[in-house]
Amino acid sequence: MHIPPLYKKKEWKRFFAGLSLGAIIGYMFFLFIYGQQQENITKEHIQLTAEFNELEDKYEHLLNNPKKGKEAEPTKVNEVVVNYANAKKLEVDLLTQHQLTSLVKELLASIHGQDLNTISTQVDLIISTVESKDYVIDQMTYQLEVRKLIVAKEVTLDLEIKLVP
């Protein structure tokens, strides 16, 4: 059986070149869209995992410390919020930020449910606790410096990330 030599004609060469180029461009477009979708799913997964862990810790705290009565209770700390001032400048990715946040929240887990007056007297202790520790994530060592600490129902920490050589 003889196959006709169509590869010698100019029109067929253009057709196959266009087919190849279109397939390559389509595959690149597919990879880009798939990458964007995976990034969004990963961000959502990290956020939901952090929220789940936080709610689980609050639940465990409530199980361990049941309310004794309904007398006038002092205001208590409900949540610890961590913000980073220079994360974009240092180009720290979201996963590392999440891991740093979870390490800081683990470190400050004891302040959940405590009286605000008690926490407000221990501000220096909280600052020195956060700043004195070196945080190792993916073979990189980070130090955190507290720029601002707000003590209310939500304890808000504004931190600055520093790389340790």
C-alpha atoms as a PDB file:
ATOM      1  CA  MET A   1       0.000   0.000   0.000  1.00  0.00           C
ATOM      2  CA  HIS A   2       1.338   3.390  -0.969  1.00  0.00           C
ATOM      3  CA  ILE A   3       0.902   6.514   1.204  1.00  0.00           C
ATOM      4  CA  PRO A   4       0.704   9.666  -0.899  1.00  0.00           C
ATOM      5  CA  PRO A   5       3.526  12.141  -0.273  1.00  0.00           C
ATOM      6  CA  LEU A   6       1.295  14.914   1.105  1.00  0.00           C
ATOM      7  CA  TYR A   7       4.047  16.233   3.366  1.00  0.00           C
ATOM      8  CA  LYS A   8       5.667  17.800   0.303  1.00  0.00           C
ATOM      9  CA  LYS A   9       2.707  20.101  -0.413  1.00  0.00           C
ATOM     10  CA  LYS A  10       2.759  23.556   1.126  1.00  0.00           C
ATOM     11  CA  GLU A  11      -0.912  23.542   2.208  1.00  0.00           C
ATOM     12  CA  TRP A  12      -0.503  20.335   4.208  1.00  0.00           C
ATOM     13  CA  LYS A  13       2.646  21.655   5.872  1.00  0.00           C
ATOM     14  CA  ARG A  14       0.716  24.745   6.992  1.00  0.00           C
ATOM     15  CA  PHE A  15      -2.165  22.608   8.223  1.00  0.00           C
ATOM     16  CA  PHE A  16       0.053  20.339  10.333  1.00  0.00           C
ATOM     17  CA  ALA A  17       2.088  23.296  11.637  1.00  0.00           C
ATOM     18  CA  GLY A  18      -1.116  25.079  12.664  1.00  0.00           C
ATOM     19  CA  LEU A  19      -2.446  21.890  14.254  1.00  0.00           C
ATOM     20  CA  SER A  20       0.768  21.437  16.246  1.00  0.00           C
ATOM     21  CA  LEU A  21       0.974  25.072  17.293  1.00  0.00           C
ATOM     22  CA  GLY A  22      -2.707  25.110  18.282  1.00  0.00           C
ATOM     23  CA  ALA A  23      -2.247  21.982  20.382  1.00  0.00           C
ATOM     24  CA  ILE A  24       0.771  23.505  22.162  1.00  0.00           C
ATOM     25  CA  ILE A  25      -1.019  26.804  22.835  1.00  0.00           C
ATOM     26  CA  GLY A  26      -4.137  24.965  24.031  1.00  0.00           C
ATOM     27  CA  TYR A  27      -2.074  22.829  26.392  1.00  0.00           C
ATOM     28  CA  MET A  28      -0.322  25.913  27.796  1.00  0.00           C
ATOM     29  CA  PHE A  29      -3.710  27.575  28.338  1.00  0.00           C
ATOM     30  CA  PHE A  30      -4.972  24.438  30.092  1.00  0.00           C
ATOM     31  CA  LEU A  31      -1.921  24.384  32.393  1.00  0.00           C
ATOM     32  CA  PHE A  32      -2.393  28.044  33.279  1.00  0.00           C
ATOM     33  CA  ILE A  33      -6.091  27.670  34.131  1.00  0.00           C
ATOM     34  CA  TYR A  34      -5.440  24.452  36.051  1.00  0.00           C
ATOM     35  CA  GLY A  35      -2.654  26.129  38.043  1.00  0.00           C
ATOM     36  CA  GLN A  36      -4.886  29.068  38.952  1.00  0.00           C
ATOM     37  CA  GLN A  37      -7.637  26.695  40.051  1.00  0.00           C
ATOM     38  CA  GLN A  38      -5.235  24.623  42.161  1.00  0.00           C
ATOM     39  CA  GLU A  39      -3.858  27.768  43.811  1.00  0.00           C
ATOM     40  CA  ASN A  40      -7.363  28.915  44.769  1.00  0.00           C
ATOM     41  CA  ILE A  41      -8.239  25.466  46.111  1.00  0.00           C
ATOM     42  CA  THR A  42      -5.005  25.359  48.131  1.00  0.00           C
ATOM     43  CA  LYS A  43      -5.691  28.809  49.641  1.00  0.00           C
ATOM     44  CA  GLU A  44      -9.209  27.743  50.580  1.00  0.00           C
ATOM     45  CA  HIS A  45      -7.932  24.475  52.067  1.00  0.00           C
ATOM     46  CA  ILE A  46      -5.344  26.286  54.193  1.00  0.00           C
ATOM     47  CA  GLN A  47      -7.963  28.747  55.416  1.00  0.00           C
ATOM     48  CA  LEU A  48     -10.495  26.022  56.246  1.00  0.00           C
ATOM     49  CA  THR A  49      -7.877  23.884  57.998  1.00  0.00           C
ATOM     50  CA  ALA A  50      -6.797  26.824  60.146  1.00  0.00           C
ATOM     51  CA  GLU A  51     -10.401  27.633  61.006  1.00  0.00           C
ATOM     52  CA  PHE A  52     -11.109  23.985  61.836  1.00  0.00           C
ATOM     53  CA  ASN A  53      -8.064  23.716  64.113  1.00  0.00           C
ATOM     54  CA  GLU A  54      -8.992  26.938  65.863  1.00  0.00           C
ATOM     55  CA  LEU A  55     -12.583  25.796  66.441  1.00  0.00           C
ATOM     56  CA  GLU A  56     -11.348  22.421  67.663  1.00  0.00           C
ATOM     57  CA  ASP A  57      -9.052  24.126  70.187  1.00  0.00           C
ATOM     58  CA  LYS A  58     -11.916  26.332  71.395  1.00  0.00           C
ATOM     59  CA  TYR A  59     -14.137  23.271  71.760  1.00  0.00           C
ATOM     60  CA  GLU A  60     -11.480  21.437  73.789  1.00  0.00           C
ATOM     61  CA  HIS A  61     -11.064  24.508  75.980  1.00  0.00           C
ATOM     62  CA  LEU A  62     -14.804  24.672  76.602  1.00  0.00           C
ATOM     63  CA  LEU A  63     -14.888  20.968  77.481  1.00  0.00           C
ATOM     64  CA  ASN A  64     -12.028  21.351  79.945  1.00  0.00           C
ATOM     65  CA  ASN A  65     -13.361  24.533  81.573  1.00  0.00           C
ATOM     66  CA  PRO A  66     -17.136  24.295  81.999  1.00  0.00           C
ATOM     67  CA  LYS A  67     -19.013  27.327  83.298  1.00  0.00           C
ATOM     68  CA  LYS A  68     -19.761  27.207  87.018  1.00  0.00           C
ATOM     69  CA  GLY A  69     -22.635  29.660  87.059  1.00  0.00           C
ATOM     70  CA  LYS A  70     -24.146  32.679  85.405  1.00  0.00           C
ATOM     71  CA  GLU A  71     -22.857  35.337  87.817  1.00  0.00           C
ATOM     72  CA  ALA A  72     -21.282  38.463  86.385  1.00  0.00           C
ATOM     73  CA  GLU A  73     -18.354  37.081  84.445  1.00  0.00           C
ATOM     74  CA  PRO A  74     -15.463  39.282  83.376  1.00  0.00           C
ATOM     75  CA  THR A  75     -14.760  39.777  79.704  1.00  0.00           C
ATOM     76  CA  LYS A  76     -12.599  37.018  78.304  1.00  0.00           C
ATOM     77  CA  VAL A  77     -10.292  36.585  75.327  1.00  0.00           C
ATOM     78  CA  ASN A  78     -12.044  34.793  72.469  1.00  0.00           C
ATOM     79  CA  GLU A  79      -9.510  34.772  69.668  1.00  0.00           C
ATOM     80  CA  VAL A  80      -5.934  35.565  68.657  1.00  0.00           C
ATOM     81  CA  VAL A  81      -5.516  37.331  65.303  1.00  0.00           C
ATOM     82  CA  VAL A  82      -2.081  37.520  63.674  1.00  0.00           C
ATOM     83  CA  ASN A  83      -1.192  39.982  60.882  1.00  0.00           C
ATOM     84  CA  TYR A  84       2.145  40.383  59.100  1.00  0.00           C
ATOM     85  CA  ALA A  85       3.378  43.830  58.114  1.00  0.00           C
ATOM     86  CA  ASN A  86       6.171  42.879  55.711  1.00  0.00           C
ATOM     87  CA  ALA A  87       5.053  39.543  54.261  1.00  0.00           C
ATOM     88  CA  LYS A  88       4.703  40.943  50.738  1.00  0.00           C
ATOM     89  CA  LYS A  89       8.033  42.743  50.948  1.00  0.00           C
ATOM     90  CA  LEU A  90       9.865  39.544  51.916  1.00  0.00           C
ATOM     91  CA  GLU A  91       7.724  37.527  49.476  1.00  0.00           C
ATOM     92  CA  VAL A  92       6.698  35.025  52.148  1.00  0.00           C
ATOM     93  CA  ASP A  93       4.176  32.625  50.621  1.00  0.00           C
ATOM     94  CA  LEU A  94       0.757  31.957  52.131  1.00  0.00           C
ATOM     95  CA  LEU A  95       1.636  28.484  53.382  1.00  0.00           C
ATOM     96  CA  THR A  96       4.591  29.813  55.378  1.00  0.00           C
ATOM     97  CA  GLN A  97       2.432  32.641  56.747  1.00  0.00           C
ATOM     98  CA  HIS A  98      -0.174  30.079  57.789  1.00  0.00           C
ATOM     99  CA  GLN A  99       2.448  27.894  59.473  1.00  0.00           C
ATOM    100  CA  LEU A 100       3.893  30.907  61.323  1.00  0.00           C
ATOM    101  CA  THR A 101       0.397  31.924  62.410  1.00  0.00           C
ATOM    102  CA  SER A 102      -0.390  28.448  63.698  1.00  0.00           C
ATOM    103  CA  LEU A 103       2.922  28.347  65.625  1.00  0.00           C
ATOM    104  CA  VAL A 104       2.175  31.726  67.237  1.00  0.00           C
ATOM    105  CA  LYS A 105      -1.367  30.649  68.097  1.00  0.00           C
ATOM    106  CA  GLU A 106      -0.015  27.418  69.623  1.00  0.00           C
ATOM    107  CA  LEU A 107       2.404  29.486  71.670  1.00  0.00           C
ATOM    108  CA  LEU A 108      -0.407  31.744  72.901  1.00  0.00           C
ATOM    109  CA  ALA A 109      -3.038  29.016  73.340  1.00  0.00           C
ATOM    110  CA  SER A 110      -3.071  29.538  77.100  1.00  0.00           C
ATOM    111  CA  ILE A 111      -4.618  33.009  76.830  1.00  0.00           C
ATOM    112  CA  HIS A 112      -7.894  31.729  75.329  1.00  0.00           C
ATOM    113  CA  GLY A 113     -10.692  32.193  77.816  1.00  0.00           C
ATOM    114  CA  GLN A 114      -8.647  34.222  80.297  1.00  0.00           C
ATOM    115  CA  ASP A 115      -9.792  37.493  81.794  1.00  0.00           C
ATOM    116  CA  LEU A 116      -8.862  40.626  79.812  1.00  0.00           C
ATOM    117  CA  ASN A 117      -7.502  42.345  82.924  1.00  0.00           C
ATOM    118  CA  THR A 118      -5.100  39.454  83.495  1.00  0.00           C
ATOM    119  CA  ILE A 119      -3.954  39.475  79.880  1.00  0.00           C
ATOM    120  CA  SER A 120      -3.515  43.259  79.817  1.00  0.00           C
ATOM    121  CA  THR A 121      -1.105  43.036  82.763  1.00  0.00           C
ATOM    122  CA  GLN A 122       0.914  40.379  80.931  1.00  0.00           C
ATOM    123  CA  VAL A 123       1.467  42.258  77.679  1.00  0.00           C
ATOM    124  CA  ASP A 124       5.249  42.373  78.144  1.00  0.00           C
ATOM    125  CA  LEU A 125       5.304  38.620  78.756  1.00  0.00           C
ATOM    126  CA  ILE A 126       3.303  37.957  75.576  1.00  0.00           C
ATOM    127  CA  ILE A 127       5.621  40.185  73.529  1.00  0.00           C
ATOM    128  CA  SER A 128       8.775  38.592  74.896  1.00  0.00           C
ATOM    129  CA  THR A 129       7.323  35.094  74.379  1.00  0.00           C
ATOM    130  CA  VAL A 130       6.613  35.737  70.711  1.00  0.00           C
ATOM    131  CA  GLU A 131       9.880  37.577  70.024  1.00  0.00           C
ATOM    132  CA  SER A 132      12.255  35.231  71.868  1.00  0.00           C
ATOM    133  CA  LYS A 133      11.468  32.120  69.845  1.00  0.00           C
ATOM    134  CA  ASP A 134      13.011  31.169  66.497  1.00  0.00           C
ATOM    135  CA  TYR A 135      10.459  29.662  64.114  1.00  0.00           C
ATOM    136  CA  VAL A 136      11.853  27.012  61.747  1.00  0.00           C
ATOM    137  CA  ILE A 137       9.771  26.291  58.648  1.00  0.00           C
ATOM    138  CA  ASP A 138      11.097  24.378  55.621  1.00  0.00           C
ATOM    139  CA  GLN A 139      14.730  24.732  56.722  1.00  0.00           C
ATOM    140  CA  MET A 140      14.338  28.520  56.995  1.00  0.00           C
ATOM    141  CA  THR A 141      14.552  30.249  60.363  1.00  0.00           C
ATOM    142  CA  TYR A 142      12.312  33.224  61.070  1.00  0.00           C
ATOM    143  CA  GLN A 143      12.103  35.634  63.971  1.00  0.00           C
ATOM    144  CA  LEU A 144       9.046  37.708  64.667  1.00  0.00           C
ATOM    145  CA  GLU A 145       9.014  41.209  66.073  1.00  0.00           C
ATOM    146  CA  VAL A 146       5.825  42.588  67.593  1.00  0.00           C
ATOM    147  CA  ARG A 147       4.996  45.960  66.108  1.00  0.00           C
ATOM    148  CA  LYS A 148       1.596  46.352  67.723  1.00  0.00           C
ATOM    149  CA  LEU A 149      -0.409  44.358  70.277  1.00  0.00           C
ATOM    150  CA  ILE A 150      -4.074  45.097  70.886  1.00  0.00           C
ATOM    151  CA  VAL A 151      -5.735  43.365  73.820  1.00  0.00           C
ATOM    152  CA  ALA A 152      -9.512  43.089  73.522  1.00  0.00           C
ATOM    153  CA  LYS A 153     -11.902  40.186  72.979  1.00  0.00           C
ATOM    154  CA  GLU A 154      -9.687  39.552  69.968  1.00  0.00           C
ATOM    155  CA  VAL A 155      -5.992  39.799  70.797  1.00  0.00           C
ATOM    156  CA  THR A 156      -4.472  41.287  67.643  1.00  0.00           C
ATOM    157  CA  LEU A 157      -0.761  40.922  66.945  1.00  0.00           C
ATOM    158  CA  ASP A 158       0.854  42.918  64.140  1.00  0.00           C
ATOM    159  CA  LEU A 159       4.157  41.199  63.505  1.00  0.00           C
ATOM    160  CA  GLU A 160       7.221  41.867  61.393  1.00  0.00           C
ATOM    161  CA  ILE A 161       8.985  38.837  59.910  1.00  0.00           C
ATOM    162  CA  LYS A 162      12.770  38.680  59.964  1.00  0.00           C
ATOM    163  CA  LEU A 163      14.923  36.047  58.292  1.00  0.00           C
ATOM    164  CA  VAL A 164      17.671  34.610  60.470  1.00  0.00           C
ATOM    165  CA  PRO A 165      20.804  33.604  58.537  1.00  0.00           C
END
